[in-house]
N, C-alpha and C. Protein backbone atom coordinates (compact mmCIF):
# COMPACT_ATOMS: atom_id res chain seq x y z
N UNK A 1 -19.22 13.69 35.84
CA UNK A 1 -20.30 14.58 36.50
C UNK A 1 -19.74 15.93 36.23
N UNK A 2 -20.62 17.01 36.34
CA UNK A 2 -20.71 17.78 36.56
C UNK A 2 -19.37 18.42 37.31
N UNK A 3 -19.56 20.02 37.12
CA UNK A 3 -18.32 21.14 38.00
C UNK A 3 -19.53 22.29 37.95
N UNK A 4 -19.15 23.01 39.11
CA UNK A 4 -20.13 24.37 39.84
C UNK A 4 -20.56 24.81 38.83
N UNK A 5 -20.02 24.56 37.78
CA UNK A 5 -20.54 26.01 36.29
C UNK A 5 -21.86 25.61 36.36
N UNK A 6 -22.42 24.76 36.55
CA UNK A 6 -23.61 24.19 36.12
C UNK A 6 -24.50 24.63 36.67
N UNK A 7 -24.66 25.20 37.80
CA UNK A 7 -25.55 26.51 38.17
C UNK A 7 -25.69 27.36 38.48
N UNK A 8 -24.99 28.13 36.76
CA UNK A 8 -25.54 29.10 36.77
C UNK A 8 -25.33 29.66 35.26
N UNK A 9 -24.50 28.47 34.36
CA UNK A 9 -24.49 28.28 32.79
C UNK A 9 -25.33 28.41 32.31
N UNK A 10 -25.77 28.93 31.39
CA UNK A 10 -26.18 28.72 30.49
C UNK A 10 -27.50 28.08 29.26
N UNK A 11 -27.64 27.80 28.81
CA UNK A 11 -27.64 26.75 27.25
C UNK A 11 -26.71 27.03 26.71
N UNK A 12 -25.68 27.58 26.67
CA UNK A 12 -24.79 27.92 25.57
C UNK A 12 -23.85 27.44 26.36
N UNK A 13 -23.45 27.78 27.17
CA UNK A 13 -22.50 27.16 27.68
C UNK A 13 -22.70 25.64 27.90
N UNK A 14 -23.70 25.04 27.80
CA UNK A 14 -24.06 24.15 28.61
C UNK A 14 -23.32 23.26 26.89
N UNK A 15 -23.71 23.47 26.47
CA UNK A 15 -23.81 22.84 24.74
C UNK A 15 -22.05 23.22 25.13
N UNK A 16 -21.53 24.14 24.86
CA UNK A 16 -20.03 24.25 24.36
C UNK A 16 -19.59 23.63 25.73
N UNK A 17 -19.22 23.38 26.62
CA UNK A 17 -18.50 21.93 27.27
C UNK A 17 -18.80 20.96 27.62
N UNK A 18 -20.58 20.78 26.64
CA UNK A 18 -20.88 19.02 26.11
C UNK A 18 -19.38 19.26 24.98
N UNK A 19 -19.85 19.79 24.08
CA UNK A 19 -19.03 20.20 22.83
C UNK A 19 -17.58 19.55 23.32
N UNK A 20 -16.82 20.71 24.65
CA UNK A 20 -15.83 20.21 24.64
C UNK A 20 -15.64 18.85 25.11
N UNK A 21 -16.70 17.91 26.59
CA UNK A 21 -16.05 16.82 27.07
C UNK A 21 -16.60 15.66 25.85
N UNK A 22 -16.87 16.17 24.91
CA UNK A 22 -16.93 14.52 23.50
C UNK A 22 -15.73 15.00 22.84
N UNK A 23 -14.86 15.96 22.56
CA UNK A 23 -14.09 16.34 21.87
C UNK A 23 -12.69 16.31 22.98
N UNK A 24 -12.48 15.35 23.95
CA UNK A 24 -11.76 14.96 25.32
C UNK A 24 -12.09 13.67 25.33
N UNK A 25 -13.05 12.82 24.82
CA UNK A 25 -12.62 12.03 24.54
C UNK A 25 -12.79 10.89 24.05
N UNK A 26 -12.91 11.96 23.15
CA UNK A 26 -11.76 11.31 20.98
C UNK A 26 -11.13 11.92 21.03
N UNK A 27 -10.59 12.42 21.96
CA UNK A 27 -8.67 12.79 21.79
C UNK A 27 -8.14 13.94 21.53
N UNK A 28 -9.46 14.93 20.99
CA UNK A 28 -9.16 16.42 19.95
C UNK A 28 -8.60 17.29 21.21
N UNK A 29 -7.93 18.13 20.97
CA UNK A 29 -7.06 19.17 21.39
C UNK A 29 -7.93 20.52 21.91
N UNK A 30 -8.98 20.47 20.18
CA UNK A 30 -9.36 22.28 20.32
C UNK A 30 -11.28 21.83 19.75
N UNK A 31 -11.85 22.82 20.07
CA UNK A 31 -13.48 23.06 19.48
C UNK A 31 -13.33 24.21 18.81
N UNK A 32 -14.13 24.00 17.85
CA UNK A 32 -14.16 25.46 17.41
C UNK A 32 -15.65 25.75 17.45
N UNK A 33 -15.52 27.47 18.12
CA UNK A 33 -16.54 28.09 19.00
C UNK A 33 -16.91 29.20 17.99
N UNK A 34 -18.07 29.57 17.49
CA UNK A 34 -18.92 30.87 16.44
C UNK A 34 -18.24 31.50 18.03
N UNK A 35 -17.98 32.93 17.28
CA UNK A 35 -18.30 34.05 18.56
C UNK A 35 -18.73 36.07 17.53
N UNK A 36 -19.52 35.56 18.23
CA UNK A 36 -20.18 36.18 16.96
C UNK A 36 -19.21 38.16 17.49
N UNK A 37 -19.57 39.21 16.45
CA UNK A 37 -19.13 40.31 16.78
C UNK A 37 -18.75 40.56 17.76
N UNK A 38 -20.06 40.96 17.95
CA UNK A 38 -20.43 41.90 19.46
C UNK A 38 -19.53 41.12 20.49
N UNK A 39 -19.49 40.17 20.62
CA UNK A 39 -18.48 39.67 22.06
C UNK A 39 -16.71 39.43 21.49
N UNK A 40 -16.55 39.47 20.25
CA UNK A 40 -15.20 40.17 19.16
C UNK A 40 -14.43 41.23 19.89
N UNK A 41 -15.46 42.38 20.23
CA UNK A 41 -15.75 43.51 20.83
C UNK A 41 -16.07 43.99 21.98
N UNK A 42 -16.02 42.87 22.46
CA UNK A 42 -15.68 42.24 24.16
C UNK A 42 -14.52 42.11 24.43
N UNK A 43 -13.99 41.19 23.07
CA UNK A 43 -12.85 40.93 23.85
C UNK A 43 -11.90 41.95 23.87
N UNK A 44 -11.74 42.50 22.79
CA UNK A 44 -11.10 43.54 22.56
C UNK A 44 -10.58 45.10 23.67
N UNK A 45 -11.79 44.65 23.85
CA UNK A 45 -12.12 45.29 25.16
C UNK A 45 -11.29 44.83 26.36
N UNK A 46 -11.63 43.96 27.15
CA UNK A 46 -10.33 42.51 27.93
C UNK A 46 -8.96 42.92 27.78
N UNK A 47 -8.77 42.89 26.63
CA UNK A 47 -7.26 43.05 25.88
C UNK A 47 -6.74 44.06 26.36
N UNK A 48 -7.74 45.51 26.33
CA UNK A 48 -7.27 46.66 25.97
C UNK A 48 -7.45 46.81 27.87
N UNK A 49 -7.88 46.61 28.36
CA UNK A 49 -7.56 46.44 30.02
C UNK A 49 -6.15 45.75 30.51
N UNK A 50 -6.36 45.03 29.83
CA UNK A 50 -5.07 44.32 30.91
C UNK A 50 -5.67 42.80 31.28
N UNK A 51 -7.10 42.34 31.15
CA UNK A 51 -7.68 41.68 31.78
C UNK A 51 -8.04 40.34 30.39
N UNK A 52 -7.15 40.46 29.80
CA UNK A 52 -6.99 39.52 28.70
C UNK A 52 -7.33 37.95 29.20
N UNK A 53 -6.92 37.56 30.32
CA UNK A 53 -7.20 36.60 31.14
C UNK A 53 -8.28 36.16 30.69
N UNK A 54 -8.91 36.75 30.82
CA UNK A 54 -10.38 36.73 31.41
C UNK A 54 -11.26 36.49 29.72
N UNK A 55 -10.85 35.81 28.17
CA UNK A 55 -11.68 35.72 27.15
C UNK A 55 -12.03 34.65 27.71
N UNK A 56 -11.97 33.58 27.31
CA UNK A 56 -12.15 32.35 28.31
C UNK A 56 -13.09 32.41 28.38
N UNK A 57 -13.66 33.14 29.88
CA UNK A 57 -14.29 33.44 30.65
C UNK A 57 -15.84 34.02 29.59
N UNK A 58 -15.58 35.12 29.26
CA UNK A 58 -15.99 36.25 28.97
C UNK A 58 -17.12 35.75 27.44
N UNK A 59 -16.37 34.57 26.21
CA UNK A 59 -17.15 34.29 25.13
C UNK A 59 -17.86 32.47 25.54
N UNK A 60 -17.03 32.18 26.71
CA UNK A 60 -17.98 30.99 26.92
C UNK A 60 -19.05 30.94 27.86
N UNK A 61 -19.39 32.93 28.41
CA UNK A 61 -20.56 32.79 29.60
C UNK A 61 -21.34 33.85 27.92
N UNK A 62 -20.91 34.05 26.84
CA UNK A 62 -21.99 35.13 26.19
C UNK A 62 -21.41 36.12 26.15
N UNK A 63 -20.97 36.39 26.61
CA UNK A 63 -20.73 37.81 27.37
C UNK A 63 -20.55 39.06 26.28
N UNK A 64 -21.76 40.04 25.49
CA UNK A 64 -21.99 40.65 24.09
C UNK A 64 -21.72 42.42 25.33
N UNK A 65 -21.39 43.17 24.18
CA UNK A 65 -21.52 44.30 24.46
C UNK A 65 -22.49 44.93 25.24
N UNK A 66 -23.54 44.82 24.94
CA UNK A 66 -24.44 44.86 26.19
C UNK A 66 -24.27 44.87 27.61
N UNK A 67 -24.18 43.10 27.32
CA UNK A 67 -24.17 42.42 28.29
C UNK A 67 -23.00 42.89 29.17
N UNK A 68 -21.41 43.67 28.78
CA UNK A 68 -20.48 43.70 29.10
C UNK A 68 -21.13 45.20 30.48
N UNK A 69 -21.68 45.76 29.69
CA UNK A 69 -21.64 46.93 30.80
C UNK A 69 -22.79 46.89 31.80
N UNK A 70 -24.02 45.72 31.54
CA UNK A 70 -24.82 45.46 32.57
C UNK A 70 -24.60 44.50 33.69
N UNK A 71 -22.16 44.31 33.55
CA UNK A 71 -22.39 43.09 34.42
C UNK A 71 -22.34 43.89 36.34
N UNK A 72 -22.12 43.01 37.26
CA UNK A 72 -22.33 43.69 38.90
C UNK A 72 -21.08 42.55 38.89
N UNK A 73 -20.52 43.22 40.21
CA UNK A 73 -19.24 42.18 40.66
C UNK A 73 -19.94 40.91 41.12
N UNK A 74 -21.73 40.71 41.31
CA UNK A 74 -21.40 38.61 41.63
C UNK A 74 -21.50 38.21 40.35
N UNK A 75 -21.64 39.00 39.40
CA UNK A 75 -21.93 38.31 38.42
C UNK A 75 -20.11 37.86 37.80
N UNK A 76 -19.52 38.50 38.52
CA UNK A 76 -17.85 38.68 37.56
C UNK A 76 -17.59 37.05 39.05
N UNK A 77 -17.80 37.21 39.87
CA UNK A 77 -17.77 36.49 40.48
C UNK A 77 -18.52 35.02 39.91
N UNK A 78 -19.85 35.41 39.84
CA UNK A 78 -20.28 33.61 39.55
C UNK A 78 -19.74 33.33 37.71
N UNK A 79 -19.20 34.22 37.31
CA UNK A 79 -18.63 33.41 36.09
C UNK A 79 -16.93 32.89 36.76
N UNK A 80 -16.29 33.12 37.33
CA UNK A 80 -15.96 32.30 38.17
C UNK A 80 -14.14 33.99 37.85
N UNK A 81 -14.45 34.84 38.39
CA UNK A 81 -12.93 36.24 38.53
C UNK A 81 -13.36 35.77 40.11
N UNK A 82 -12.23 35.35 40.93
CA UNK A 82 -11.77 35.45 41.98
C UNK A 82 -11.29 36.84 42.44
N UNK A 83 -10.47 37.64 41.76
CA UNK A 83 -9.92 38.50 41.83
C UNK A 83 -10.24 39.62 42.63
N UNK A 84 -11.15 40.07 42.92
CA UNK A 84 -11.52 41.23 44.05
C UNK A 84 -11.07 42.68 42.80
N UNK A 85 -9.53 42.70 42.82
CA UNK A 85 -8.26 43.37 41.57
C UNK A 85 -9.32 43.43 40.73
N UNK A 86 -8.99 41.83 40.00
CA UNK A 86 -9.46 42.47 38.88
C UNK A 86 -10.86 42.86 38.04
N UNK A 87 -11.71 42.23 39.64
CA UNK A 87 -13.06 42.57 38.83
C UNK A 87 -13.69 44.20 39.26
N UNK A 88 -12.75 44.52 40.09
CA UNK A 88 -12.88 46.85 40.50
C UNK A 88 -12.79 47.06 39.38
N UNK A 89 -11.26 46.64 38.89
CA UNK A 89 -10.81 47.59 37.54
C UNK A 89 -12.10 47.26 36.07
N UNK A 90 -11.81 45.69 36.30
CA UNK A 90 -13.01 45.89 34.86
C UNK A 90 -14.19 46.31 35.53
N UNK A 91 -15.13 46.46 36.50
CA UNK A 91 -16.08 47.50 36.59
C UNK A 91 -15.40 48.67 36.72
N UNK A 92 -14.66 49.69 36.70
CA UNK A 92 -14.37 50.50 36.56
C UNK A 92 -14.77 50.91 34.68
N UNK A 93 -13.82 49.91 34.51
CA UNK A 93 -13.68 51.00 32.85
C UNK A 93 -14.93 50.11 32.13
N UNK A 94 -15.43 49.51 32.75
CA UNK A 94 -16.52 49.43 31.82
C UNK A 94 -17.23 51.51 32.36
N UNK A 95 -17.28 51.88 33.97
CA UNK A 95 -18.20 52.84 34.23
C UNK A 95 -18.02 53.47 33.16
N UNK A 96 -16.68 53.80 32.93
CA UNK A 96 -16.17 53.76 31.98
C UNK A 96 -15.96 53.80 30.31
N UNK A 97 -16.58 53.82 30.01
CA UNK A 97 -16.62 53.13 28.72
C UNK A 97 -18.31 53.57 28.50
N UNK A 98 -19.06 53.35 29.17
CA UNK A 98 -20.75 52.82 29.34
C UNK A 98 -20.59 54.80 29.62
N UNK A 99 -19.82 55.42 29.90
CA UNK A 99 -20.20 56.86 30.07
C UNK A 99 -19.84 57.87 28.99
N UNK A 100 -18.97 57.37 28.07
CA UNK A 100 -18.15 58.03 26.87
C UNK A 100 -19.17 57.36 25.99
N UNK A 101 -19.24 56.32 25.92
CA UNK A 101 -20.51 55.56 25.43
C UNK A 101 -21.69 56.87 25.73
N UNK A 102 -22.61 57.55 26.61
CA UNK A 102 -22.67 58.23 26.82
C UNK A 102 -23.12 59.36 26.64
N UNK A 103 -21.97 59.58 26.44
CA UNK A 103 -21.54 61.07 26.14
C UNK A 103 -21.36 61.50 24.93
N UNK A 104 -21.23 60.28 24.26
CA UNK A 104 -20.47 59.96 22.87
C UNK A 104 -22.16 60.56 22.37
N UNK A 105 -22.64 59.70 22.25
CA UNK A 105 -24.53 59.75 22.47
C UNK A 105 -25.56 60.82 22.49
N UNK A 106 -25.20 61.83 23.25
CA UNK A 106 -25.17 62.51 23.23
C UNK A 106 -25.26 64.58 22.61
N UNK A 107 -24.20 63.96 21.95
CA UNK A 107 -23.25 64.69 21.99
C UNK A 107 -23.69 64.86 19.85
N UNK A 108 -24.60 63.78 19.57
CA UNK A 108 -24.78 64.37 18.45
C UNK A 108 -26.12 64.74 17.98
N UNK A 109 -26.13 65.58 17.10
CA UNK A 109 -26.22 66.53 16.66
C UNK A 109 -28.33 65.90 16.18
N UNK A 110 -29.29 66.06 15.97
CA UNK A 110 -30.44 64.83 15.37
C UNK A 110 -29.99 65.75 13.36
N UNK A 111 -31.28 64.60 13.03
CA UNK A 111 -30.37 65.25 11.76
C UNK A 111 -32.52 65.80 10.89
């Protein structure tokens, strides 16, 4: 039986959940998942913002650098981030990151 996640899970999330279910039935304690370099950057960002407890949630939902900057409060709630304080902290940090990226790209002189 599936949980609440199925209502918004991506195909990738369902694939990972299926692998975990199969591994549990075989008595395995872990499953290897390929993580892109973009998602690894998001994990480092989370660690830098003292929100590393959400690493797995971001990996399972395949949140990469571009998607990180587009996340809304509702997205975070649907992904399972229940703490209002943590959602606010993450959104503040992503807004600061986005502003920093915009400032950096606008200060580069064209060649």
